[in-house]
N, C-alpha and C. Protein backbone atom coordinates (compact mmCIF):
# COMPACT_ATOMS: atom_id res chain seq x y z
N MET A 1 -8.12 48.48 -200.63
CA MET A 1 -6.68 48.35 -200.70
C MET A 1 -6.08 48.05 -199.32
N PHE A 2 -6.61 48.69 -198.29
CA PHE A 2 -6.06 48.49 -196.95
C PHE A 2 -6.38 47.10 -196.41
N LYS A 3 -7.49 46.52 -196.85
CA LYS A 3 -7.82 45.17 -196.40
C LYS A 3 -6.80 44.17 -196.93
N ILE A 4 -6.37 44.35 -198.16
CA ILE A 4 -5.35 43.47 -198.74
C ILE A 4 -4.02 43.68 -198.01
N LEU A 5 -3.69 44.93 -197.75
CA LEU A 5 -2.46 45.24 -197.03
C LEU A 5 -2.47 44.66 -195.63
N ALA A 6 -3.62 44.67 -194.98
CA ALA A 6 -3.75 44.11 -193.63
C ALA A 6 -3.50 42.60 -193.65
N LYS A 7 -3.99 41.92 -194.67
CA LYS A 7 -3.76 40.48 -194.78
C LYS A 7 -2.29 40.18 -195.03
N ILE A 8 -1.64 40.98 -195.86
CA ILE A 8 -0.21 40.81 -196.11
C ILE A 8 0.58 41.04 -194.83
N ASN A 9 0.23 42.07 -194.08
CA ASN A 9 0.89 42.34 -192.79
C ASN A 9 0.75 41.16 -191.85
N HIS A 10 -0.44 40.57 -191.84
CA HIS A 10 -0.69 39.43 -190.95
C HIS A 10 0.22 38.25 -191.29
N TRP A 11 0.44 38.03 -192.56
CA TRP A 11 1.27 36.90 -192.98
C TRP A 11 2.77 37.18 -192.84
N VAL A 12 3.17 38.41 -193.11
CA VAL A 12 4.60 38.72 -193.22
C VAL A 12 5.22 39.25 -191.93
N LEU A 13 4.54 40.17 -191.28
CA LEU A 13 5.12 40.83 -190.11
C LEU A 13 4.88 40.02 -188.84
N PRO A 14 5.80 40.14 -187.89
CA PRO A 14 5.67 39.37 -186.65
C PRO A 14 4.48 39.83 -185.80
N ASN A 15 3.97 38.89 -185.01
CA ASN A 15 2.86 39.19 -184.10
C ASN A 15 3.44 39.34 -182.70
N TYR A 16 3.53 40.59 -182.24
CA TYR A 16 4.14 40.86 -180.94
C TYR A 16 3.20 40.55 -179.78
N THR A 17 1.91 40.42 -180.05
CA THR A 17 0.97 40.07 -179.00
C THR A 17 1.22 38.65 -178.52
N LYS A 18 1.42 37.74 -179.46
CA LYS A 18 1.69 36.35 -179.09
C LYS A 18 3.03 36.21 -178.38
N GLU A 19 3.97 37.06 -178.75
CA GLU A 19 5.29 37.02 -178.12
C GLU A 19 5.30 37.75 -176.78
N GLN A 20 4.21 38.42 -176.45
CA GLN A 20 4.06 39.19 -175.22
C GLN A 20 5.19 40.22 -175.06
N LEU A 21 5.39 40.99 -176.12
CA LEU A 21 6.41 42.02 -176.14
C LEU A 21 6.03 43.16 -175.19
N ASP A 22 6.98 43.57 -174.36
CA ASP A 22 6.80 44.71 -173.47
C ASP A 22 7.14 45.97 -174.26
N LEU A 23 6.18 46.87 -174.42
CA LEU A 23 6.40 48.05 -175.24
C LEU A 23 7.49 48.97 -174.69
N THR A 24 7.73 48.91 -173.39
CA THR A 24 8.79 49.75 -172.84
C THR A 24 10.17 49.23 -173.21
N LYS A 25 10.25 47.96 -173.58
CA LYS A 25 11.53 47.37 -173.96
C LYS A 25 11.65 47.14 -175.46
N ALA A 26 10.67 47.58 -176.23
CA ALA A 26 10.68 47.38 -177.68
C ALA A 26 11.70 48.31 -178.34
N THR A 27 12.32 47.80 -179.41
CA THR A 27 13.26 48.61 -180.17
C THR A 27 12.49 49.57 -181.07
N LYS A 28 13.20 50.50 -181.69
CA LYS A 28 12.54 51.46 -182.58
C LYS A 28 11.91 50.76 -183.77
N MET A 29 12.57 49.72 -184.28
CA MET A 29 12.03 48.98 -185.42
C MET A 29 10.74 48.26 -185.03
N GLN A 30 10.70 47.67 -183.84
CA GLN A 30 9.49 46.99 -183.37
C GLN A 30 8.36 47.99 -183.19
N LYS A 31 8.67 49.16 -182.67
CA LYS A 31 7.64 50.18 -182.50
C LYS A 31 7.14 50.67 -183.85
N ALA A 32 8.02 50.78 -184.82
CA ALA A 32 7.62 51.19 -186.17
C ALA A 32 6.69 50.15 -186.80
N ILE A 33 6.99 48.87 -186.60
CA ILE A 33 6.14 47.81 -187.14
C ILE A 33 4.77 47.84 -186.47
N ILE A 34 4.75 48.04 -185.17
CA ILE A 34 3.48 48.12 -184.44
C ILE A 34 2.66 49.31 -184.95
N ALA A 35 3.29 50.44 -185.13
CA ALA A 35 2.60 51.64 -185.62
C ALA A 35 2.06 51.41 -187.03
N TRP A 36 2.84 50.79 -187.90
CA TRP A 36 2.40 50.50 -189.27
C TRP A 36 1.20 49.56 -189.27
N LYS A 37 1.27 48.50 -188.47
CA LYS A 37 0.17 47.55 -188.41
C LYS A 37 -1.09 48.22 -187.86
N TYR A 38 -0.95 49.08 -186.88
CA TYR A 38 -2.08 49.82 -186.32
C TYR A 38 -2.70 50.74 -187.37
N TYR A 39 -1.87 51.45 -188.10
CA TYR A 39 -2.34 52.38 -189.14
C TYR A 39 -3.13 51.63 -190.21
N VAL A 40 -2.57 50.54 -190.69
CA VAL A 40 -3.24 49.78 -191.76
C VAL A 40 -4.53 49.15 -191.25
N THR A 41 -4.50 48.61 -190.04
CA THR A 41 -5.69 47.95 -189.49
C THR A 41 -6.83 48.95 -189.30
N THR A 42 -6.53 50.13 -188.77
CA THR A 42 -7.59 51.12 -188.56
C THR A 42 -8.18 51.60 -189.88
N ARG A 43 -7.36 51.70 -190.90
CA ARG A 43 -7.85 52.11 -192.22
C ARG A 43 -8.66 51.01 -192.88
N ALA A 44 -8.29 49.76 -192.64
CA ALA A 44 -9.01 48.62 -193.24
C ALA A 44 -10.39 48.45 -192.61
N VAL A 45 -10.48 48.73 -191.31
CA VAL A 45 -11.75 48.54 -190.61
C VAL A 45 -12.70 49.68 -190.92
N GLY A 46 -12.18 50.89 -190.96
CA GLY A 46 -13.03 52.08 -191.13
C GLY A 46 -13.44 52.41 -192.49
């Protein structure tokens, strides 16, 4: 289930790595998206 969710995240949610987002300047929403993507990715891999 998490592998499918990870693919959906990849297509739908923004990629902050390519945008070179500075985490110290990220908004709460951007931090929430980063945390969600991290959670799903770690569950999909493990």
